[in-house]
Amino acid sequence: MGGTIELVRGDITQLQVDAIVNAANSSLLGGGGVDGAIHAAAGPDLLRECRFLGGCEPGEAKHTQGYRLPARWVIHTVGPIWRGGTRGEEETLRDCYRHSLLLGEELGAEGMAFPSISTGIYGYPIERAVPVAVQEVRRHLEEATLPHRVVFVAFNDEVYEAYRQLLER
């Protein structure tokens, strides 16, 4: 049991891991931000497969093939929209990480990469989202056999610094 946590600043669609996590919307049919980038990089077959998944509820996770991505799978999860923190946002965000990790384990993913779920257009404050992400990943790595490696992928300096500061503690 146990695994490593890494932090990189860059493009999640370029990572050499078994599964990348997509911060998707509930339709799973593409959108902006990381979701749009993943759909663009994976190609049209990803959208075709997503049409058969029937959407996804916040906090849940579903998977597809990676198609043109270096990753074998894409795990799609729908994060909470920030509404002040009094409507179960933290538990929904925890569920995103928990369910994605469990699905990755089920798929046999030895390496997984996560974006910063819900901190873009969904407005979840980075300083509140990062501890949730790190706690859930650490908990899973202590209890599970897979994945062996989890990579947090920061798209900008603000997100990178928030993760770096917490991971260095």
N, C-alpha and C. Protein backbone atom coordinates (compact mmCIF):
# COMPACT_ATOMS: atom_id res chain seq x y z
N MET A 1 0.84 -1.18 0.00
CA MET A 1 0.00 0.00 0.00
C MET A 1 0.89 1.24 0.00
N GLY A 2 0.30 2.30 -0.44
CA GLY A 2 1.05 3.55 -0.51
C GLY A 2 1.44 3.83 -1.94
N GLY A 3 1.71 5.06 -2.21
CA GLY A 3 2.09 5.47 -3.55
C GLY A 3 2.70 6.84 -3.48
N THR A 4 3.06 7.36 -4.62
CA THR A 4 3.67 8.68 -4.66
C THR A 4 2.71 9.71 -5.21
N ILE A 5 2.91 10.93 -4.75
CA ILE A 5 2.16 12.08 -5.25
C ILE A 5 3.16 13.01 -5.90
N GLU A 6 2.84 13.45 -7.10
CA GLU A 6 3.69 14.39 -7.83
C GLU A 6 2.87 15.62 -8.19
N LEU A 7 3.58 16.70 -8.45
CA LEU A 7 2.95 17.94 -8.89
C LEU A 7 3.68 18.43 -10.12
N VAL A 8 2.92 18.74 -11.16
CA VAL A 8 3.50 19.32 -12.36
C VAL A 8 2.65 20.51 -12.80
N ARG A 9 3.29 21.43 -13.48
CA ARG A 9 2.57 22.53 -14.10
C ARG A 9 2.56 22.22 -15.58
N GLY A 10 1.40 22.12 -16.17
CA GLY A 10 1.37 21.83 -17.59
C GLY A 10 0.02 21.38 -18.10
N ASP A 11 0.08 20.60 -19.15
CA ASP A 11 -1.10 20.18 -19.91
C ASP A 11 -1.40 18.71 -19.58
N ILE A 12 -2.52 18.47 -18.94
CA ILE A 12 -2.89 17.11 -18.52
C ILE A 12 -3.02 16.16 -19.71
N THR A 13 -3.34 16.70 -20.88
CA THR A 13 -3.54 15.83 -22.05
C THR A 13 -2.23 15.24 -22.57
N GLN A 14 -1.09 15.72 -22.07
CA GLN A 14 0.20 15.24 -22.54
C GLN A 14 0.84 14.22 -21.59
N LEU A 15 0.21 13.97 -20.45
CA LEU A 15 0.83 13.11 -19.44
C LEU A 15 0.81 11.64 -19.82
N GLN A 16 1.91 10.98 -19.49
CA GLN A 16 2.05 9.54 -19.72
C GLN A 16 1.62 8.81 -18.44
N VAL A 17 0.33 8.65 -18.28
CA VAL A 17 -0.25 7.92 -17.16
C VAL A 17 -1.34 7.01 -17.71
N ASP A 18 -1.79 6.07 -16.91
CA ASP A 18 -2.85 5.17 -17.38
C ASP A 18 -4.19 5.87 -17.52
N ALA A 19 -4.48 6.80 -16.60
CA ALA A 19 -5.78 7.48 -16.61
C ALA A 19 -5.61 8.95 -16.25
N ILE A 20 -6.29 9.78 -17.02
CA ILE A 20 -6.39 11.19 -16.63
C ILE A 20 -7.82 11.44 -16.21
N VAL A 21 -7.98 12.33 -15.25
CA VAL A 21 -9.31 12.68 -14.76
C VAL A 21 -9.74 13.97 -15.45
N ASN A 22 -10.96 13.95 -15.93
CA ASN A 22 -11.56 15.09 -16.60
C ASN A 22 -12.53 15.78 -15.66
N ALA A 23 -12.33 17.07 -15.44
CA ALA A 23 -13.28 17.88 -14.68
C ALA A 23 -14.40 18.23 -15.66
N ALA A 24 -15.37 17.34 -15.75
CA ALA A 24 -16.41 17.41 -16.78
C ALA A 24 -17.65 18.16 -16.29
N ASN A 25 -18.54 18.44 -17.23
CA ASN A 25 -19.87 18.92 -16.84
C ASN A 25 -20.80 17.71 -16.86
N SER A 26 -22.00 17.87 -16.35
CA SER A 26 -22.88 16.71 -16.15
C SER A 26 -23.34 16.04 -17.44
N SER A 27 -23.25 16.72 -18.56
CA SER A 27 -23.63 16.09 -19.83
C SER A 27 -22.54 15.14 -20.34
N LEU A 28 -21.30 15.37 -19.94
CA LEU A 28 -20.11 14.66 -20.41
C LEU A 28 -19.83 14.89 -21.89
N LEU A 29 -20.46 15.89 -22.47
CA LEU A 29 -20.35 16.11 -23.91
C LEU A 29 -19.37 17.23 -24.27
N GLY A 30 -18.45 17.54 -23.37
CA GLY A 30 -17.45 18.57 -23.64
C GLY A 30 -17.88 19.92 -23.12
N GLY A 31 -16.92 20.78 -23.00
CA GLY A 31 -17.18 22.12 -22.48
C GLY A 31 -15.92 22.94 -22.62
N GLY A 32 -15.71 23.83 -21.65
CA GLY A 32 -14.52 24.68 -21.67
C GLY A 32 -13.43 24.12 -20.78
N GLY A 33 -12.38 24.88 -20.61
CA GLY A 33 -11.30 24.53 -19.70
C GLY A 33 -10.68 23.18 -19.99
N VAL A 34 -10.38 22.45 -18.92
CA VAL A 34 -9.74 21.14 -19.06
C VAL A 34 -10.64 20.16 -19.83
N ASP A 35 -11.93 20.26 -19.64
CA ASP A 35 -12.88 19.40 -20.33
C ASP A 35 -12.76 19.57 -21.84
N GLY A 36 -12.76 20.80 -22.30
CA GLY A 36 -12.63 21.08 -23.73
C GLY A 36 -11.28 20.63 -24.28
N ALA A 37 -10.22 20.84 -23.48
CA ALA A 37 -8.88 20.44 -23.91
C ALA A 37 -8.78 18.92 -24.06
N ILE A 38 -9.37 18.19 -23.12
CA ILE A 38 -9.34 16.73 -23.19
C ILE A 38 -10.12 16.23 -24.39
N HIS A 39 -11.30 16.78 -24.61
CA HIS A 39 -12.10 16.36 -25.77
C HIS A 39 -11.38 16.68 -27.08
N ALA A 40 -10.75 17.85 -27.15
CA ALA A 40 -10.03 18.22 -28.38
C ALA A 40 -8.84 17.29 -28.62
N ALA A 41 -8.09 16.99 -27.58
CA ALA A 41 -6.90 16.15 -27.73
C ALA A 41 -7.26 14.69 -28.00
N ALA A 42 -8.34 14.21 -27.41
CA ALA A 42 -8.74 12.80 -27.59
C ALA A 42 -9.36 12.55 -28.95
N GLY A 43 -9.97 13.56 -29.53
CA GLY A 43 -10.60 13.41 -30.84
C GLY A 43 -12.08 13.07 -30.73
N PRO A 44 -12.77 12.98 -31.87
CA PRO A 44 -14.22 12.83 -31.90
C PRO A 44 -14.75 11.51 -31.34
N ASP A 45 -13.92 10.48 -31.27
CA ASP A 45 -14.40 9.21 -30.71
C ASP A 45 -14.73 9.33 -29.22
N LEU A 46 -14.05 10.23 -28.53
CA LEU A 46 -14.37 10.44 -27.11
C LEU A 46 -15.80 10.95 -26.96
N LEU A 47 -16.17 11.93 -27.74
CA LEU A 47 -17.53 12.46 -27.68
C LEU A 47 -18.55 11.37 -28.04
N ARG A 48 -18.25 10.58 -29.04
CA ARG A 48 -19.16 9.49 -29.43
C ARG A 48 -19.39 8.53 -28.26
N GLU A 49 -18.31 8.14 -27.56
CA GLU A 49 -18.47 7.23 -26.43
C GLU A 49 -19.22 7.91 -25.28
N CYS A 50 -18.93 9.18 -25.03
CA CYS A 50 -19.60 9.91 -23.94
C CYS A 50 -21.11 9.99 -24.15
N ARG A 51 -21.55 10.05 -25.40
CA ARG A 51 -22.99 10.11 -25.68
C ARG A 51 -23.74 8.90 -25.13
N PHE A 52 -23.06 7.77 -24.99
CA PHE A 52 -23.69 6.54 -24.50
C PHE A 52 -23.65 6.41 -22.98
N LEU A 53 -22.99 7.32 -22.29
CA LEU A 53 -22.84 7.21 -20.82
C LEU A 53 -24.03 7.78 -20.05
N GLY A 54 -24.86 8.56 -20.71
CA GLY A 54 -26.05 9.10 -20.04
C GLY A 54 -25.75 10.18 -19.02
N GLY A 55 -24.68 10.90 -19.21
CA GLY A 55 -24.34 11.98 -18.29
C GLY A 55 -23.74 11.44 -17.00
N CYS A 56 -23.55 12.36 -16.06
CA CYS A 56 -22.92 12.00 -14.79
C CYS A 56 -23.35 13.01 -13.73
N GLU A 57 -23.68 12.50 -12.56
CA GLU A 57 -24.08 13.36 -11.45
C GLU A 57 -22.85 13.94 -10.75
N PRO A 58 -22.99 15.13 -10.14
CA PRO A 58 -21.87 15.69 -9.37
C PRO A 58 -21.38 14.70 -8.31
N GLY A 59 -20.06 14.57 -8.24
CA GLY A 59 -19.44 13.68 -7.27
C GLY A 59 -19.22 12.26 -7.78
N GLU A 60 -19.88 11.90 -8.86
CA GLU A 60 -19.74 10.56 -9.42
C GLU A 60 -18.61 10.54 -10.46
N ALA A 61 -18.28 9.36 -10.97
CA ALA A 61 -17.23 9.23 -11.98
C ALA A 61 -17.58 8.12 -12.95
N LYS A 62 -17.28 8.34 -14.22
CA LYS A 62 -17.46 7.35 -15.28
C LYS A 62 -16.20 7.37 -16.14
N HIS A 63 -15.97 6.30 -16.88
CA HIS A 63 -14.75 6.28 -17.69
C HIS A 63 -15.04 5.99 -19.15
N THR A 64 -14.09 6.42 -19.96
CA THR A 64 -14.07 6.13 -21.40
C THR A 64 -12.64 5.75 -21.77
N GLN A 65 -12.48 5.34 -23.01
CA GLN A 65 -11.14 5.13 -23.55
C GLN A 65 -10.47 6.50 -23.71
N GLY A 66 -9.16 6.50 -23.87
CA GLY A 66 -8.42 7.74 -24.04
C GLY A 66 -8.26 8.17 -25.49
N TYR A 67 -8.50 7.27 -26.42
CA TYR A 67 -8.41 7.54 -27.85
C TYR A 67 -7.06 8.13 -28.23
N ARG A 68 -7.00 9.35 -28.67
CA ARG A 68 -5.72 9.93 -29.15
C ARG A 68 -4.81 10.43 -28.02
N LEU A 69 -5.26 10.33 -26.80
CA LEU A 69 -4.45 10.77 -25.66
C LEU A 69 -3.37 9.73 -25.34
N PRO A 70 -2.28 10.13 -24.70
CA PRO A 70 -1.31 9.14 -24.23
C PRO A 70 -1.90 8.24 -23.14
N ALA A 71 -2.89 8.74 -22.42
CA ALA A 71 -3.55 7.97 -21.36
C ALA A 71 -4.49 6.94 -21.97
N ARG A 72 -4.54 5.78 -21.35
CA ARG A 72 -5.42 4.70 -21.82
C ARG A 72 -6.89 5.02 -21.56
N TRP A 73 -7.16 5.67 -20.41
CA TRP A 73 -8.53 5.99 -20.02
C TRP A 73 -8.68 7.45 -19.63
N VAL A 74 -9.91 7.92 -19.78
CA VAL A 74 -10.31 9.21 -19.21
C VAL A 74 -11.39 8.90 -18.18
N ILE A 75 -11.17 9.37 -16.97
CA ILE A 75 -12.17 9.24 -15.91
C ILE A 75 -12.84 10.60 -15.79
N HIS A 76 -14.12 10.64 -16.07
CA HIS A 76 -14.89 11.89 -16.07
C HIS A 76 -15.58 12.02 -14.72
N THR A 77 -15.40 13.16 -14.08
CA THR A 77 -16.09 13.43 -12.82
C THR A 77 -16.64 14.84 -12.86
N VAL A 78 -17.76 15.03 -12.21
CA VAL A 78 -18.43 16.34 -12.22
C VAL A 78 -18.30 16.95 -10.83
N GLY A 79 -17.56 18.04 -10.75
CA GLY A 79 -17.36 18.72 -9.49
C GLY A 79 -18.52 19.62 -9.14
N PRO A 80 -18.52 20.09 -7.90
CA PRO A 80 -19.58 20.99 -7.46
C PRO A 80 -19.37 22.42 -7.95
N ILE A 81 -20.46 23.10 -8.18
CA ILE A 81 -20.41 24.54 -8.43
C ILE A 81 -20.39 25.20 -7.05
N TRP A 82 -19.45 26.12 -6.85
CA TRP A 82 -19.32 26.79 -5.56
C TRP A 82 -20.50 27.73 -5.34
N ARG A 83 -21.18 27.54 -4.20
CA ARG A 83 -22.32 28.39 -3.84
C ARG A 83 -22.17 28.88 -2.41
N GLY A 84 -20.92 29.13 -2.02
CA GLY A 84 -20.66 29.67 -0.70
C GLY A 84 -20.20 28.65 0.33
N GLY A 85 -20.24 27.39 -0.02
CA GLY A 85 -19.74 26.35 0.87
C GLY A 85 -20.76 25.77 1.83
N THR A 86 -22.01 26.15 1.70
CA THR A 86 -23.04 25.66 2.63
C THR A 86 -24.00 24.66 2.00
N ARG A 87 -23.71 24.23 0.78
CA ARG A 87 -24.62 23.32 0.07
C ARG A 87 -23.96 21.99 -0.28
N GLY A 88 -23.10 21.52 0.60
CA GLY A 88 -22.48 20.22 0.40
C GLY A 88 -21.36 20.19 -0.61
N GLU A 89 -20.82 21.36 -0.94
CA GLU A 89 -19.77 21.41 -1.96
C GLU A 89 -18.54 20.59 -1.57
N GLU A 90 -18.12 20.67 -0.31
CA GLU A 90 -16.91 19.95 0.09
C GLU A 90 -17.10 18.44 -0.03
N GLU A 91 -18.22 17.93 0.42
CA GLU A 91 -18.45 16.48 0.33
C GLU A 91 -18.54 16.04 -1.13
N THR A 92 -19.17 16.84 -1.97
CA THR A 92 -19.24 16.50 -3.40
C THR A 92 -17.86 16.49 -4.02
N LEU A 93 -17.03 17.46 -3.64
CA LEU A 93 -15.66 17.49 -4.17
C LEU A 93 -14.88 16.27 -3.68
N ARG A 94 -15.03 15.93 -2.40
CA ARG A 94 -14.37 14.72 -1.88
C ARG A 94 -14.82 13.49 -2.68
N ASP A 95 -16.11 13.41 -2.96
CA ASP A 95 -16.64 12.29 -3.73
C ASP A 95 -16.01 12.22 -5.12
N CYS A 96 -15.76 13.37 -5.74
CA CYS A 96 -15.11 13.36 -7.06
C CYS A 96 -13.78 12.64 -7.01
N TYR A 97 -12.96 13.00 -6.03
CA TYR A 97 -11.65 12.37 -5.92
C TYR A 97 -11.78 10.91 -5.50
N ARG A 98 -12.64 10.64 -4.53
CA ARG A 98 -12.82 9.28 -4.03
C ARG A 98 -13.30 8.34 -5.14
N HIS A 99 -14.36 8.73 -5.82
CA HIS A 99 -14.92 7.87 -6.87
C HIS A 99 -13.98 7.73 -8.06
N SER A 100 -13.25 8.78 -8.39
CA SER A 100 -12.28 8.69 -9.49
C SER A 100 -11.16 7.73 -9.14
N LEU A 101 -10.66 7.82 -7.91
CA LEU A 101 -9.58 6.91 -7.48
C LEU A 101 -10.06 5.47 -7.43
N LEU A 102 -11.26 5.25 -6.93
CA LEU A 102 -11.80 3.89 -6.88
C LEU A 102 -11.99 3.32 -8.28
N LEU A 103 -12.47 4.14 -9.20
CA LEU A 103 -12.64 3.70 -10.57
C LEU A 103 -11.28 3.41 -11.22
N GLY A 104 -10.31 4.26 -10.96
CA GLY A 104 -8.96 4.02 -11.47
C GLY A 104 -8.40 2.71 -10.95
N GLU A 105 -8.64 2.45 -9.67
CA GLU A 105 -8.18 1.19 -9.08
C GLU A 105 -8.87 0.00 -9.77
N GLU A 106 -10.17 0.13 -9.98
CA GLU A 106 -10.94 -0.93 -10.65
C GLU A 106 -10.41 -1.20 -12.07
N LEU A 107 -10.01 -0.15 -12.75
CA LEU A 107 -9.49 -0.28 -14.12
C LEU A 107 -8.07 -0.83 -14.14
N GLY A 108 -7.40 -0.82 -12.99
CA GLY A 108 -6.01 -1.27 -12.94
C GLY A 108 -5.01 -0.18 -13.25
N ALA A 109 -5.42 1.07 -13.10
CA ALA A 109 -4.53 2.20 -13.40
C ALA A 109 -3.42 2.30 -12.36
N GLU A 110 -2.20 2.21 -12.83
CA GLU A 110 -1.06 2.36 -11.93
C GLU A 110 -0.70 3.83 -11.74
N GLY A 111 -0.98 4.64 -12.74
CA GLY A 111 -0.74 6.08 -12.66
C GLY A 111 -1.97 6.85 -13.07
N MET A 112 -2.29 7.90 -12.30
CA MET A 112 -3.45 8.75 -12.58
C MET A 112 -3.04 10.20 -12.47
N ALA A 113 -3.69 11.06 -13.26
CA ALA A 113 -3.45 12.49 -13.19
C ALA A 113 -4.77 13.22 -12.98
N PHE A 114 -4.73 14.20 -12.07
CA PHE A 114 -5.91 15.00 -11.74
C PHE A 114 -5.67 16.47 -12.05
N PRO A 115 -6.68 17.13 -12.63
CA PRO A 115 -6.65 18.58 -12.68
C PRO A 115 -7.17 19.10 -11.34
N SER A 116 -7.23 20.39 -11.20
CA SER A 116 -7.81 20.98 -9.99
C SER A 116 -9.32 21.09 -10.21
N ILE A 117 -10.05 20.10 -9.74
CA ILE A 117 -11.48 19.97 -10.01
C ILE A 117 -12.27 21.11 -9.36
N SER A 118 -13.14 21.71 -10.15
CA SER A 118 -14.10 22.75 -9.75
C SER A 118 -13.50 24.13 -9.49
N THR A 119 -12.18 24.31 -9.65
CA THR A 119 -11.59 25.62 -9.33
C THR A 119 -11.56 26.58 -10.51
N GLY A 120 -12.04 26.14 -11.65
CA GLY A 120 -12.11 27.03 -12.81
C GLY A 120 -13.46 27.74 -12.84
N ILE A 121 -14.22 27.49 -13.89
CA ILE A 121 -15.50 28.15 -14.09
C ILE A 121 -16.51 27.84 -12.98
N TYR A 122 -16.34 26.71 -12.27
CA TYR A 122 -17.26 26.36 -11.19
C TYR A 122 -16.99 27.15 -9.91
N GLY A 123 -15.88 27.90 -9.88
CA GLY A 123 -15.67 28.90 -8.83
C GLY A 123 -15.27 28.41 -7.46
N TYR A 124 -14.91 27.15 -7.31
CA TYR A 124 -14.51 26.64 -5.98
C TYR A 124 -13.19 27.30 -5.60
N PRO A 125 -13.10 27.93 -4.43
CA PRO A 125 -11.85 28.61 -4.04
C PRO A 125 -10.68 27.63 -3.97
N ILE A 126 -9.60 27.96 -4.62
CA ILE A 126 -8.43 27.09 -4.69
C ILE A 126 -7.93 26.73 -3.30
N GLU A 127 -7.89 27.71 -2.39
CA GLU A 127 -7.36 27.45 -1.04
C GLU A 127 -8.23 26.48 -0.25
N ARG A 128 -9.46 26.28 -0.67
CA ARG A 128 -10.33 25.30 -0.02
C ARG A 128 -10.37 23.97 -0.77
N ALA A 129 -10.16 24.02 -2.07
CA ALA A 129 -10.21 22.80 -2.89
C ALA A 129 -8.95 21.95 -2.75
N VAL A 130 -7.80 22.59 -2.69
CA VAL A 130 -6.53 21.86 -2.66
C VAL A 130 -6.41 20.92 -1.45
N PRO A 131 -6.74 21.37 -0.23
CA PRO A 131 -6.65 20.44 0.90
C PRO A 131 -7.58 19.23 0.75
N VAL A 132 -8.74 19.43 0.19
CA VAL A 132 -9.68 18.31 -0.03
C VAL A 132 -9.04 17.31 -0.99
N ALA A 133 -8.49 17.80 -2.09
CA ALA A 133 -7.87 16.93 -3.09
C ALA A 133 -6.72 16.14 -2.48
N VAL A 134 -5.84 16.82 -1.79
CA VAL A 134 -4.65 16.16 -1.23
C VAL A 134 -5.04 15.16 -0.15
N GLN A 135 -5.99 15.52 0.71
CA GLN A 135 -6.43 14.59 1.77
C GLN A 135 -7.02 13.32 1.18
N GLU A 136 -7.88 13.45 0.18
CA GLU A 136 -8.52 12.27 -0.40
C GLU A 136 -7.52 11.38 -1.11
N VAL A 137 -6.58 11.98 -1.83
CA VAL A 137 -5.57 11.19 -2.52
C VAL A 137 -4.68 10.47 -1.51
N ARG A 138 -4.22 11.19 -0.50
CA ARG A 138 -3.37 10.56 0.52
C ARG A 138 -4.11 9.41 1.22
N ARG A 139 -5.36 9.63 1.58
CA ARG A 139 -6.14 8.59 2.24
C ARG A 139 -6.24 7.35 1.35
N HIS A 140 -6.54 7.57 0.08
CA HIS A 140 -6.68 6.45 -0.84
C HIS A 140 -5.35 5.70 -0.99
N LEU A 141 -4.27 6.42 -1.15
CA LEU A 141 -2.97 5.79 -1.34
C LEU A 141 -2.55 4.97 -0.12
N GLU A 142 -2.98 5.39 1.06
CA GLU A 142 -2.66 4.63 2.29
C GLU A 142 -3.45 3.33 2.37
N GLU A 143 -4.64 3.31 1.79
CA GLU A 143 -5.55 2.17 1.95
C GLU A 143 -5.60 1.22 0.75
N ALA A 144 -5.21 1.68 -0.42
CA ALA A 144 -5.44 0.90 -1.64
C ALA A 144 -4.13 0.42 -2.26
N THR A 145 -4.25 -0.51 -3.17
CA THR A 145 -3.07 -1.01 -3.88
C THR A 145 -2.77 -0.23 -5.16
N LEU A 146 -3.78 0.36 -5.75
CA LEU A 146 -3.61 1.19 -6.96
C LEU A 146 -4.37 2.49 -6.80
N PRO A 147 -3.92 3.55 -7.40
CA PRO A 147 -2.73 3.67 -8.24
C PRO A 147 -1.46 3.74 -7.39
N HIS A 148 -0.32 3.55 -8.06
CA HIS A 148 0.98 3.70 -7.40
C HIS A 148 1.45 5.14 -7.46
N ARG A 149 0.92 5.88 -8.43
CA ARG A 149 1.39 7.25 -8.69
C ARG A 149 0.19 8.13 -9.02
N VAL A 150 0.10 9.27 -8.32
CA VAL A 150 -0.93 10.27 -8.62
C VAL A 150 -0.22 11.58 -8.91
N VAL A 151 -0.60 12.19 -10.01
CA VAL A 151 -0.02 13.46 -10.42
C VAL A 151 -1.10 14.53 -10.37
N PHE A 152 -0.84 15.59 -9.61
CA PHE A 152 -1.70 16.77 -9.66
C PHE A 152 -1.14 17.66 -10.76
N VAL A 153 -2.00 18.06 -11.68
CA VAL A 153 -1.57 18.88 -12.81
C VAL A 153 -2.16 20.27 -12.66
N ALA A 154 -1.28 21.24 -12.47
CA ALA A 154 -1.71 22.63 -12.32
C ALA A 154 -1.60 23.33 -13.66
N PHE A 155 -2.64 24.01 -14.04
CA PHE A 155 -2.66 24.70 -15.32
C PHE A 155 -2.03 26.08 -15.23
N ASN A 156 -2.00 26.65 -14.02
CA ASN A 156 -1.41 27.99 -13.87
C ASN A 156 -0.59 28.07 -12.58
N ASP A 157 0.11 29.17 -12.41
CA ASP A 157 1.00 29.34 -11.26
C ASP A 157 0.26 29.38 -9.93
N GLU A 158 -0.92 29.98 -9.90
CA GLU A 158 -1.68 30.08 -8.65
C GLU A 158 -2.04 28.69 -8.12
N VAL A 159 -2.53 27.83 -8.99
CA VAL A 159 -2.90 26.48 -8.59
C VAL A 159 -1.65 25.69 -8.21
N TYR A 160 -0.59 25.83 -9.00
CA TYR A 160 0.66 25.13 -8.72
C TYR A 160 1.17 25.50 -7.33
N GLU A 161 1.19 26.77 -7.01
CA GLU A 161 1.70 27.22 -5.70
C GLU A 161 0.84 26.71 -4.56
N ALA A 162 -0.47 26.68 -4.74
CA ALA A 162 -1.35 26.18 -3.67
C ALA A 162 -1.05 24.71 -3.39
N TYR A 163 -0.88 23.92 -4.42
CA TYR A 163 -0.55 22.50 -4.22
C TYR A 163 0.86 22.35 -3.65
N ARG A 164 1.81 23.09 -4.20
CA ARG A 164 3.20 22.97 -3.75
C ARG A 164 3.32 23.25 -2.26
N GLN A 165 2.70 24.34 -1.81
CA GLN A 165 2.77 24.71 -0.40
C GLN A 165 2.19 23.62 0.49
N LEU A 166 1.09 23.04 0.11
CA LEU A 166 0.47 22.01 0.93
C LEU A 166 1.26 20.70 0.87
N LEU A 167 1.75 20.33 -0.27
CA LEU A 167 2.49 19.07 -0.41
C LEU A 167 3.85 19.12 0.28
N GLU A 168 4.42 20.30 0.42
CA GLU A 168 5.71 20.42 1.09
C GLU A 168 5.61 20.35 2.61
N ARG A 169 4.41 20.46 3.15
CA ARG A 169 4.23 20.38 4.61
C ARG A 169 4.42 18.98 5.10
